[in-house]
Amino acid sequence: MPDTAFDAFAAAAVLTMARQGRMPRPLDLPAGLRPRDAAQAYAVQDAVVRERAEVAGWKVGAASPQAQPARAALTRDSVWVAAGEPPTVRLAAADFAVVGVEAELVYELGADLPPRSTPYGPEEVLAAVVSVRAAIEVCDTRFAAWARQGEWSRLADQACHGALVVGSGSADVAAVRPLQQPVCLWVNGEAAVRHAAGGNPAGDPLRLLAWLASGGAASLGGLRAGQWVTTGSCTGTVLVAPGTEVVADFPGLGSAVLRVD
C-alpha cells in the first residue's frame, strides 16, 4: 500500500508544472516528494494522468525476462496513429526536453480486460488483441537533465514517456513471433540499431501484457478496448536532433516513421 504520509498529489503538481512550463524543470523532485518505491511512483503517475486526459494506452517493460515489469499510462494527447504510406507522424522537437527514440512492438486491444481477482493468462490476453504494430516511442523527461534521477523519480515521471507513434502491422496476431522478429531503427537513412531477432531485454511481451492486465493497470481501471500497449524497446534509446527522420522497421510486420521538426 502507498505510504499515507507521502503526498503523491504534491509530487504530481511539480511534474505537471514543469511539463507546462509554469516552473523551471527541477533536477529531481524535492527530497520530501521523491517516491521511495514503485507504489509511491505509480501514485504520482496516476495523479498526473487523471489531470491530463483520457488513457489511450500503456507502456510496459522489464529489464530482463525475470525482472518485475513496470508501466506507465499514456494519455490521448501523447499517442499518435500514423497515416499514409509509409505511415508517418510529424512532431515538433520544441515540444520535448529531449527526443529519445525507440523501436517497439505495440498491441492493439479489441476487448476490455478489467481488474479481477484471478490473474489473466497469456493466451487469454492474446485473445483480446486485434493487431500488432510497429511503433516508435519518444522518450522525454520533465526534469532538467536526462537520466540523472533515481529509478522511482523516473518511474513517477511517466517512465520517461514523451509520445507514442503507432505505425502499420498485422491483424494476424497469432502469427507474430516477437522473439524471432527482426528490427531496424533507421535515423536519417542510416541503420542506427539492427537486430536479426528480438532485441527486447524483457523477452516475450506476452508476459508483460499478462502482468499489466492482472494488476499493473488496475489503479486506472484496467485495460480497455481501443487502447494501445507498447511493450518496451527493441533497440535501446537513441537521442536525435531536430530535422531528423526516424523509421522503426520490423520486416514482414510493419513500420512507423517519425519526422522531428
Foldseek 3Di string as FASTA:
>chain_A
DDDPVADLLVQLVLLVCLLVVVDPFAQFGPPSNFDPDQVSLVSNLVNNQVPPAAFQAKEKAAQAQPGDIAMHTDHPVFEAEADDVQGEDEDAPVSAPFWWKFKWKKWAFAFFLFEDDDFDDLVRLLVRTQWIFIKMWTFGFSHPDPPPDDPSRCSSRRVRGRHMYTGFFDRPSVPDDQQQWWKFKDKQRHTPFTDRGHQGRNPDQSVRSRVQSHPVVHVVGHGGHSHMYIYGGSGDIDTDDAQMKIKIDGPPTHIYIYHHD
